[in-house]
Amino acid sequence: MNSNNFTEANMDYLQDLSGGNSDLIREIVALFIKQTPGDMELLGTYIREQNWTQAYKQAHHIKPTLAYVGANTMRAELQEIEDRAKNQRELDTIAGKFNNLLPRFEVLYQELRSYLDTMDS
């Protein structure tokens, strides 16, 4: 499967970063799929609790990993959440922005799993 056909992921950056090393790509993608759902769950908890200091720190923690899998649009949206929580502005929009990202993360995980499957075949 060509990663250019993906909706959320673009593996070109990871391909370039790894020098095309398929073992390294597998490791990074597998780690992303394993860790990011828990990271997102924690961010959701902080948002529901309106713990804005922890919310912005958690968003900041997640954001760089999105670059590795080429999810730059999602990364920019997470940056908005981070900025609003950190600067204590437009707080009433954060939960909606977060909730809009959740299904996109599910698409991203599926695309990454498909990518790993094609690497193994």
N, C-alpha and C. Protein backbone atom coordinates (compact mmCIF):
# COMPACT_ATOMS: atom_id res chain seq x y z
N MET A 1 0.85 -1.18 0.00
CA MET A 1 0.00 0.00 0.00
C MET A 1 0.89 1.23 0.00
N ASN A 2 0.60 2.15 -0.83
CA ASN A 2 1.35 3.38 -0.93
C ASN A 2 0.88 4.35 0.15
N SER A 3 1.80 4.84 0.96
CA SER A 3 1.41 5.74 2.04
C SER A 3 0.85 7.06 1.52
N ASN A 4 1.08 7.38 0.26
CA ASN A 4 0.51 8.60 -0.29
C ASN A 4 -1.00 8.50 -0.46
N ASN A 5 -1.55 7.27 -0.40
CA ASN A 5 -2.99 7.09 -0.49
C ASN A 5 -3.66 7.21 0.87
N PHE A 6 -2.90 7.40 1.92
CA PHE A 6 -3.44 7.51 3.26
C PHE A 6 -4.10 8.86 3.48
N THR A 7 -5.07 8.87 4.38
CA THR A 7 -5.76 10.10 4.74
C THR A 7 -4.97 10.91 5.75
N GLU A 8 -4.42 10.22 6.75
CA GLU A 8 -3.75 10.91 7.86
C GLU A 8 -2.23 10.74 7.86
N ALA A 9 -1.76 9.56 7.55
CA ALA A 9 -0.32 9.28 7.64
C ALA A 9 0.38 9.58 6.31
N ASN A 10 1.61 9.99 6.43
CA ASN A 10 2.48 10.14 5.27
C ASN A 10 3.85 9.65 5.72
N MET A 11 4.23 8.50 5.22
CA MET A 11 5.42 7.85 5.72
C MET A 11 6.72 8.35 5.08
N ASP A 12 6.64 9.31 4.20
CA ASP A 12 7.84 9.81 3.53
C ASP A 12 8.88 10.34 4.52
N TYR A 13 8.43 11.08 5.54
CA TYR A 13 9.36 11.63 6.52
C TYR A 13 10.09 10.51 7.25
N LEU A 14 9.32 9.51 7.69
CA LEU A 14 9.93 8.38 8.40
C LEU A 14 10.86 7.59 7.49
N GLN A 15 10.48 7.44 6.25
CA GLN A 15 11.35 6.77 5.27
C GLN A 15 12.68 7.52 5.15
N ASP A 16 12.58 8.85 5.02
CA ASP A 16 13.79 9.67 4.90
C ASP A 16 14.62 9.62 6.19
N LEU A 17 13.96 9.77 7.32
CA LEU A 17 14.63 9.79 8.61
C LEU A 17 15.37 8.49 8.88
N SER A 18 14.76 7.38 8.51
CA SER A 18 15.34 6.06 8.79
C SER A 18 16.29 5.58 7.71
N GLY A 19 16.39 6.35 6.63
CA GLY A 19 17.20 5.90 5.51
C GLY A 19 16.62 4.66 4.86
N GLY A 20 15.30 4.49 5.02
CA GLY A 20 14.63 3.33 4.43
C GLY A 20 14.83 2.04 5.22
N ASN A 21 15.37 2.13 6.41
CA ASN A 21 15.62 0.95 7.26
C ASN A 21 14.27 0.40 7.75
N SER A 22 13.83 -0.70 7.17
CA SER A 22 12.50 -1.23 7.47
C SER A 22 12.38 -1.69 8.92
N ASP A 23 13.44 -2.18 9.53
CA ASP A 23 13.38 -2.59 10.93
C ASP A 23 13.13 -1.38 11.84
N LEU A 24 13.82 -0.29 11.56
CA LEU A 24 13.64 0.93 12.34
C LEU A 24 12.23 1.49 12.14
N ILE A 25 11.74 1.47 10.92
CA ILE A 25 10.39 1.95 10.64
C ILE A 25 9.37 1.12 11.42
N ARG A 26 9.50 -0.19 11.36
CA ARG A 26 8.59 -1.07 12.11
C ARG A 26 8.60 -0.74 13.60
N GLU A 27 9.80 -0.55 14.13
CA GLU A 27 9.94 -0.27 15.56
C GLU A 27 9.26 1.05 15.94
N ILE A 28 9.49 2.09 15.16
CA ILE A 28 8.91 3.39 15.46
C ILE A 28 7.39 3.35 15.33
N VAL A 29 6.88 2.75 14.26
CA VAL A 29 5.44 2.70 14.04
C VAL A 29 4.78 1.84 15.12
N ALA A 30 5.37 0.72 15.46
CA ALA A 30 4.80 -0.14 16.50
C ALA A 30 4.77 0.58 17.85
N LEU A 31 5.82 1.31 18.16
CA LEU A 31 5.87 2.07 19.41
C LEU A 31 4.80 3.16 19.41
N PHE A 32 4.63 3.84 18.29
CA PHE A 32 3.61 4.87 18.18
C PHE A 32 2.22 4.28 18.44
N ILE A 33 1.93 3.15 17.79
CA ILE A 33 0.62 2.51 17.93
C ILE A 33 0.40 2.03 19.36
N LYS A 34 1.46 1.60 20.01
CA LYS A 34 1.35 1.09 21.38
C LYS A 34 1.16 2.22 22.40
N GLN A 35 1.90 3.31 22.26
CA GLN A 35 1.93 4.35 23.29
C GLN A 35 0.90 5.47 23.09
N THR A 36 0.64 5.83 21.87
CA THR A 36 -0.18 7.02 21.63
C THR A 36 -1.62 6.91 22.13
N PRO A 37 -2.28 5.75 22.01
CA PRO A 37 -3.65 5.69 22.55
C PRO A 37 -3.71 6.03 24.05
N GLY A 38 -2.76 5.54 24.83
CA GLY A 38 -2.71 5.87 26.25
C GLY A 38 -2.42 7.35 26.48
N ASP A 39 -1.54 7.89 25.66
CA ASP A 39 -1.23 9.32 25.76
C ASP A 39 -2.46 10.17 25.46
N MET A 40 -3.21 9.76 24.45
CA MET A 40 -4.44 10.50 24.09
C MET A 40 -5.51 10.35 25.17
N GLU A 41 -5.60 9.17 25.76
CA GLU A 41 -6.56 8.96 26.85
C GLU A 41 -6.24 9.88 28.02
N LEU A 42 -4.97 9.99 28.34
CA LEU A 42 -4.54 10.87 29.43
C LEU A 42 -4.86 12.32 29.10
N LEU A 43 -4.62 12.74 27.86
CA LEU A 43 -4.96 14.10 27.46
C LEU A 43 -6.45 14.33 27.62
N GLY A 44 -7.26 13.37 27.21
CA GLY A 44 -8.71 13.50 27.36
C GLY A 44 -9.11 13.65 28.82
N THR A 45 -8.46 12.93 29.70
CA THR A 45 -8.74 13.04 31.13
C THR A 45 -8.41 14.44 31.63
N TYR A 46 -7.26 14.96 31.26
CA TYR A 46 -6.89 16.31 31.69
C TYR A 46 -7.88 17.35 31.17
N ILE A 47 -8.34 17.17 29.95
CA ILE A 47 -9.29 18.13 29.37
C ILE A 47 -10.62 18.04 30.13
N ARG A 48 -11.11 16.83 30.37
CA ARG A 48 -12.37 16.68 31.11
C ARG A 48 -12.27 17.27 32.52
N GLU A 49 -11.11 17.12 33.14
CA GLU A 49 -10.89 17.66 34.48
C GLU A 49 -10.57 19.15 34.46
N GLN A 50 -10.42 19.70 33.27
CA GLN A 50 -10.03 21.10 33.07
C GLN A 50 -8.71 21.42 33.78
N ASN A 51 -7.82 20.45 33.74
CA ASN A 51 -6.47 20.61 34.27
C ASN A 51 -5.61 21.10 33.10
N TRP A 52 -5.67 22.40 32.87
CA TRP A 52 -5.09 22.97 31.65
C TRP A 52 -3.57 22.89 31.63
N THR A 53 -2.92 22.97 32.80
CA THR A 53 -1.46 22.86 32.82
C THR A 53 -1.03 21.48 32.35
N GLN A 54 -1.67 20.44 32.87
CA GLN A 54 -1.32 19.09 32.44
C GLN A 54 -1.77 18.82 31.01
N ALA A 55 -2.89 19.42 30.61
CA ALA A 55 -3.39 19.22 29.24
C ALA A 55 -2.39 19.77 28.22
N TYR A 56 -1.90 20.97 28.46
CA TYR A 56 -0.96 21.51 27.46
C TYR A 56 0.35 20.73 27.46
N LYS A 57 0.79 20.28 28.63
CA LYS A 57 2.01 19.49 28.67
C LYS A 57 1.83 18.15 27.95
N GLN A 58 0.66 17.53 28.12
CA GLN A 58 0.39 16.25 27.47
C GLN A 58 0.28 16.42 25.96
N ALA A 59 -0.40 17.48 25.52
CA ALA A 59 -0.50 17.75 24.08
C ALA A 59 0.90 17.98 23.51
N HIS A 60 1.71 18.71 24.24
CA HIS A 60 3.09 18.96 23.80
C HIS A 60 3.88 17.66 23.70
N HIS A 61 3.62 16.74 24.60
CA HIS A 61 4.29 15.44 24.62
C HIS A 61 3.92 14.60 23.39
N ILE A 62 2.66 14.63 23.00
CA ILE A 62 2.16 13.81 21.89
C ILE A 62 2.58 14.39 20.54
N LYS A 63 2.55 15.68 20.43
CA LYS A 63 2.72 16.39 19.16
C LYS A 63 3.94 15.97 18.34
N PRO A 64 5.14 15.88 18.91
CA PRO A 64 6.30 15.54 18.08
C PRO A 64 6.21 14.16 17.42
N THR A 65 5.57 13.21 18.10
CA THR A 65 5.50 11.87 17.52
C THR A 65 4.67 11.84 16.25
N LEU A 66 3.75 12.78 16.11
CA LEU A 66 2.93 12.84 14.90
C LEU A 66 3.76 13.18 13.67
N ALA A 67 4.84 13.90 13.87
CA ALA A 67 5.71 14.24 12.73
C ALA A 67 6.34 12.99 12.14
N TYR A 68 6.69 12.03 12.99
CA TYR A 68 7.35 10.82 12.50
C TYR A 68 6.49 10.04 11.53
N VAL A 69 5.18 10.10 11.73
CA VAL A 69 4.27 9.35 10.85
C VAL A 69 3.58 10.27 9.85
N GLY A 70 4.08 11.49 9.74
CA GLY A 70 3.59 12.40 8.71
C GLY A 70 2.20 12.93 8.92
N ALA A 71 1.73 12.93 10.15
CA ALA A 71 0.38 13.42 10.45
C ALA A 71 0.46 14.90 10.83
N ASN A 72 0.93 15.70 9.89
CA ASN A 72 1.21 17.10 10.18
C ASN A 72 -0.03 17.95 10.41
N THR A 73 -1.13 17.64 9.75
CA THR A 73 -2.37 18.38 9.98
C THR A 73 -2.86 18.12 11.40
N MET A 74 -2.81 16.86 11.80
CA MET A 74 -3.21 16.51 13.16
C MET A 74 -2.27 17.16 14.18
N ARG A 75 -1.02 17.21 13.84
CA ARG A 75 -0.02 17.84 14.72
C ARG A 75 -0.35 19.32 14.92
N ALA A 76 -0.73 19.99 13.85
CA ALA A 76 -1.10 21.40 13.94
C ALA A 76 -2.35 21.59 14.81
N GLU A 77 -3.29 20.68 14.70
CA GLU A 77 -4.50 20.77 15.52
C GLU A 77 -4.20 20.52 16.99
N LEU A 78 -3.28 19.61 17.25
CA LEU A 78 -2.86 19.38 18.62
C LEU A 78 -2.11 20.60 19.16
N GLN A 79 -1.39 21.29 18.29
CA GLN A 79 -0.71 22.52 18.68
C GLN A 79 -1.73 23.57 19.12
N GLU A 80 -2.87 23.65 18.43
CA GLU A 80 -3.92 24.59 18.83
C GLU A 80 -4.43 24.26 20.23
N ILE A 81 -4.65 22.97 20.49
CA ILE A 81 -5.09 22.56 21.82
C ILE A 81 -4.05 22.96 22.86
N GLU A 82 -2.79 22.67 22.55
CA GLU A 82 -1.70 23.02 23.47
C GLU A 82 -1.68 24.52 23.75
N ASP A 83 -1.73 25.32 22.69
CA ASP A 83 -1.67 26.78 22.85
C ASP A 83 -2.84 27.31 23.67
N ARG A 84 -4.04 26.82 23.39
CA ARG A 84 -5.22 27.31 24.12
C ARG A 84 -5.15 26.92 25.59
N ALA A 85 -4.73 25.71 25.87
CA ALA A 85 -4.62 25.28 27.27
C ALA A 85 -3.51 26.04 27.99
N LYS A 86 -2.39 26.20 27.33
CA LYS A 86 -1.25 26.89 27.95
C LYS A 86 -1.55 28.35 28.23
N ASN A 87 -2.21 29.00 27.27
CA ASN A 87 -2.48 30.44 27.39
C ASN A 87 -3.83 30.74 28.02
N GLN A 88 -4.53 29.67 28.42
CA GLN A 88 -5.84 29.84 29.08
C GLN A 88 -6.78 30.72 28.26
N ARG A 89 -6.90 30.38 26.97
CA ARG A 89 -7.82 31.14 26.11
C ARG A 89 -8.65 30.15 25.29
N GLU A 90 -9.86 30.58 25.00
CA GLU A 90 -10.79 29.76 24.22
C GLU A 90 -10.88 28.33 24.79
N LEU A 91 -10.91 28.25 26.10
CA LEU A 91 -10.91 26.95 26.76
C LEU A 91 -12.17 26.14 26.42
N ASP A 92 -13.26 26.84 26.13
CA ASP A 92 -14.51 26.15 25.82
C ASP A 92 -14.46 25.42 24.48
N THR A 93 -13.43 25.66 23.67
CA THR A 93 -13.31 24.99 22.37
C THR A 93 -12.39 23.76 22.41
N ILE A 94 -11.66 23.60 23.49
CA ILE A 94 -10.65 22.54 23.55
C ILE A 94 -11.28 21.15 23.48
N ALA A 95 -12.31 20.91 24.27
CA ALA A 95 -12.93 19.58 24.29
C ALA A 95 -13.45 19.21 22.90
N GLY A 96 -14.07 20.14 22.21
CA GLY A 96 -14.58 19.88 20.87
C GLY A 96 -13.46 19.57 19.89
N LYS A 97 -12.38 20.32 19.96
CA LYS A 97 -11.23 20.07 19.08
C LYS A 97 -10.65 18.68 19.37
N PHE A 98 -10.53 18.34 20.64
CA PHE A 98 -10.01 17.03 21.02
C PHE A 98 -10.93 15.92 20.50
N ASN A 99 -12.22 16.07 20.72
CA ASN A 99 -13.17 15.05 20.28
C ASN A 99 -13.17 14.89 18.76
N ASN A 100 -12.92 15.95 18.03
CA ASN A 100 -12.83 15.87 16.57
C ASN A 100 -11.58 15.12 16.12
N LEU A 101 -10.54 15.16 16.94
CA LEU A 101 -9.29 14.46 16.60
C LEU A 101 -9.37 12.96 16.85
N LEU A 102 -10.17 12.53 17.80
CA LEU A 102 -10.19 11.12 18.18
C LEU A 102 -10.47 10.17 17.01
N PRO A 103 -11.51 10.40 16.19
CA PRO A 103 -11.71 9.47 15.06
C PRO A 103 -10.58 9.53 14.04
N ARG A 104 -9.94 10.66 13.93
CA ARG A 104 -8.81 10.78 13.01
C ARG A 104 -7.63 9.95 13.51
N PHE A 105 -7.46 9.88 14.82
CA PHE A 105 -6.41 9.02 15.37
C PHE A 105 -6.71 7.56 15.06
N GLU A 106 -7.98 7.18 15.12
CA GLU A 106 -8.34 5.79 14.79
C GLU A 106 -7.99 5.49 13.33
N VAL A 107 -8.26 6.44 12.43
CA VAL A 107 -7.88 6.28 11.02
C VAL A 107 -6.36 6.15 10.91
N LEU A 108 -5.65 6.99 11.62
CA LEU A 108 -4.19 6.97 11.60
C LEU A 108 -3.66 5.62 12.07
N TYR A 109 -4.20 5.10 13.17
CA TYR A 109 -3.74 3.80 13.66
C TYR A 109 -3.99 2.72 12.62
N GLN A 110 -5.16 2.75 11.97
CA GLN A 110 -5.48 1.75 10.95
C GLN A 110 -4.51 1.86 9.77
N GLU A 111 -4.23 3.08 9.35
CA GLU A 111 -3.29 3.27 8.24
C GLU A 111 -1.91 2.74 8.60
N LEU A 112 -1.48 2.98 9.82
CA LEU A 112 -0.17 2.52 10.24
C LEU A 112 -0.12 1.00 10.35
N ARG A 113 -1.19 0.40 10.86
CA ARG A 113 -1.25 -1.07 10.90
C ARG A 113 -1.19 -1.64 9.49
N SER A 114 -1.92 -1.02 8.57
CA SER A 114 -1.90 -1.48 7.17
C SER A 114 -0.51 -1.34 6.58
N TYR A 115 0.15 -0.26 6.90
CA TYR A 115 1.51 -0.04 6.42
C TYR A 115 2.44 -1.14 6.93
N LEU A 116 2.32 -1.46 8.22
CA LEU A 116 3.15 -2.54 8.77
C LEU A 116 2.83 -3.86 8.10
N ASP A 117 1.55 -4.11 7.84
CA ASP A 117 1.16 -5.36 7.16
C ASP A 117 1.80 -5.45 5.79
N THR A 118 1.85 -4.35 5.06
CA THR A 118 2.45 -4.40 3.72
C THR A 118 3.95 -4.59 3.80
N MET A 119 4.55 -4.11 4.87
CA MET A 119 5.99 -4.31 5.03
C MET A 119 6.30 -5.78 5.29
N ASP A 120 5.37 -6.47 5.94
CA ASP A 120 5.59 -7.87 6.30
C ASP A 120 5.24 -8.83 5.18
N SER A 121 4.57 -8.33 4.15
CA SER A 121 4.18 -9.25 3.06
C SER A 121 5.15 -9.23 1.91
